[in-house]
Amino acid sequence: MPPAGWDFDHLVTTQPTFEPFHHRLRRIAYLDLSQGYESYAAQRRAAGSDEIKQISRKLRKCEREQGEVTFEMDCRDETLLDLLIQWKSAQLRQNGLMDIFAFPWTVELMKSIFRGSSETLSGLLSW
């Protein structure tokens, strides 16, 4: 039997359709990288945070053990999207959650968003 409601979170508050259903509003954590990563890292260190130091240490360890770590902001390789969908599908099943990727229309929707781009909707795969 389908659920009687939809439990959602992390929606943008400027979506008026969902406003009557807001239970709680709160600010979310985000990284302000508008001045670049180095500026952000310097601000965090100046604020007394050792998070950047810990992340750098973990990155060095990962690279020693696994090889170079890279980041591609807008990856257009659809085979990597397929791999990500496989991983997320397995994660959902492993956690006892409904595997939304078991429905072919869900996968096709994701691929359609990935392939297309418009002023109002576009997909971004970062790898």
Protein backbone atom coordinates (compact mmCIF):
# COMPACT_ATOMS: atom_id res chain seq x y z
CA MET A 1 0.00 0.00 0.00
CA PRO A 2 1.48 3.40 -0.92
CA PRO A 3 2.28 5.88 1.85
CA ALA A 4 -0.40 8.38 2.81
CA GLY A 5 1.99 11.29 2.61
CA TRP A 6 5.28 12.54 1.35
CA ASP A 7 8.03 13.30 3.84
CA PHE A 8 10.35 15.82 2.21
CA ASP A 9 13.12 18.06 3.35
CA HIS A 10 15.73 20.42 1.96
CA LEU A 11 13.35 22.17 -0.39
CA VAL A 12 14.00 25.71 -1.51
CA THR A 13 11.70 27.99 0.51
CA THR A 14 10.91 30.14 -2.51
CA GLN A 15 8.73 27.35 -3.92
CA PRO A 16 5.27 28.67 -3.02
CA THR A 17 3.53 25.38 -3.83
CA PHE A 18 5.07 23.77 -0.75
CA GLU A 19 4.69 26.73 1.62
CA PRO A 20 1.47 25.47 3.30
CA PHE A 21 3.29 22.28 4.23
CA HIS A 22 6.38 23.80 5.83
CA HIS A 23 6.91 22.27 9.25
CA ARG A 24 10.20 23.96 10.05
CA LEU A 25 12.46 26.41 8.27
CA ARG A 26 16.16 26.57 8.93
CA ARG A 27 19.29 27.84 7.30
CA ILE A 28 21.40 25.20 5.69
CA ALA A 29 25.15 24.85 5.75
CA TYR A 30 26.91 25.91 2.60
CA LEU A 31 30.37 26.77 1.36
CA ASP A 32 30.92 30.29 0.08
CA LEU A 33 33.50 29.73 -2.63
CA SER A 34 32.76 32.98 -4.47
CA GLN A 35 36.30 34.20 -3.65
CA GLY A 36 37.87 30.81 -4.43
CA TYR A 37 38.75 27.81 -2.31
CA GLU A 38 42.00 29.22 -0.93
CA SER A 39 40.16 32.26 0.45
CA TYR A 40 37.53 30.01 2.02
CA ALA A 41 40.22 27.78 3.57
CA ALA A 42 42.06 30.82 4.97
CA GLN A 43 38.82 32.13 6.52
CA ARG A 44 38.11 28.77 8.15
CA ARG A 45 41.65 28.57 9.56
CA ALA A 46 41.37 32.16 10.84
CA ALA A 47 38.12 31.20 12.58
CA GLY A 48 39.99 28.48 14.47
CA SER A 49 38.66 25.52 12.53
CA ASP A 50 41.00 22.58 11.94
CA GLU A 51 38.60 21.04 9.42
CA ILE A 52 40.67 22.08 6.38
CA LYS A 53 43.78 20.55 7.96
CA GLN A 54 41.94 17.28 8.65
CA ILE A 55 40.52 17.13 5.11
CA SER A 56 43.95 17.80 3.61
CA ARG A 57 45.46 15.02 5.72
CA LYS A 58 42.71 12.58 4.63
CA LEU A 59 43.16 13.58 0.99
CA ARG A 60 46.92 12.92 1.14
CA LYS A 61 46.28 9.51 2.72
CA CYS A 62 43.66 8.65 0.09
CA GLU A 63 46.03 9.64 -2.72
CA ARG A 64 48.85 7.55 -1.23
CA GLU A 65 46.58 4.51 -0.99
CA GLN A 66 44.35 4.93 -4.08
CA GLY A 67 46.07 7.33 -6.48
CA GLU A 68 45.35 10.88 -7.59
CA VAL A 69 41.98 12.34 -6.64
CA THR A 70 40.36 14.46 -9.34
CA PHE A 71 37.14 16.42 -9.61
CA GLU A 72 35.19 17.18 -12.76
CA MET A 73 32.44 19.74 -12.17
CA ASP A 74 30.32 18.99 -15.24
CA CYS A 75 31.01 15.45 -16.41
CA ARG A 76 29.20 14.57 -19.65
CA ASP A 77 30.05 10.84 -19.65
CA GLU A 78 26.73 8.99 -19.53
CA THR A 79 28.43 5.71 -18.58
CA LEU A 80 29.43 7.37 -15.30
CA LEU A 81 25.82 8.45 -14.76
CA ASP A 82 24.82 4.79 -15.26
CA LEU A 83 27.41 3.75 -12.65
CA LEU A 84 26.16 6.36 -10.19
CA ILE A 85 22.58 5.14 -10.67
CA GLN A 86 23.73 1.55 -10.00
CA TRP A 87 25.50 2.66 -6.81
CA LYS A 88 22.52 4.66 -5.55
CA SER A 89 20.15 1.79 -6.37
CA ALA A 90 22.30 -0.61 -4.35
CA GLN A 91 22.52 1.89 -1.47
CA LEU A 92 18.74 2.30 -1.34
CA ARG A 93 18.17 -1.48 -1.30
CA GLN A 94 20.89 -2.02 1.30
CA ASN A 95 19.25 0.54 3.59
CA GLY A 96 15.81 -1.02 3.18
CA LEU A 97 14.47 1.95 1.24
CA MET A 98 12.40 1.91 -1.90
CA ASP A 99 14.69 1.63 -4.90
CA ILE A 100 13.38 4.45 -7.07
CA PHE A 101 15.74 3.37 -9.84
CA ALA A 102 13.91 0.04 -10.17
CA PHE A 103 11.30 1.97 -12.16
CA PRO A 104 12.51 2.46 -15.76
CA TRP A 105 10.79 5.84 -16.00
CA THR A 106 12.94 7.16 -13.13
CA VAL A 107 16.17 6.21 -14.89
CA GLU A 108 14.91 7.67 -18.17
CA LEU A 109 13.94 10.90 -16.41
CA MET A 110 17.43 11.19 -14.90
CA LYS A 111 19.04 10.55 -18.28
CA SER A 112 16.73 13.01 -20.00
CA ILE A 113 17.64 15.72 -17.50
CA PHE A 114 21.32 14.82 -17.88
CA ARG A 115 21.18 14.98 -21.68
CA GLY A 116 19.12 18.15 -21.96
CA SER A 117 19.60 21.68 -20.85
CA SER A 118 17.33 24.69 -20.78
CA GLU A 119 17.03 27.95 -18.89
CA THR A 120 14.64 26.36 -16.41
CA LEU A 121 16.08 22.86 -15.96
CA SER A 122 19.42 21.19 -16.48
CA GLY A 123 21.35 18.34 -14.93
CA LEU A 124 24.87 18.44 -13.55
CA LEU A 125 26.93 15.34 -12.86
CA SER A 126 30.07 16.06 -10.86
CA TRP A 127 32.62 13.29 -10.74
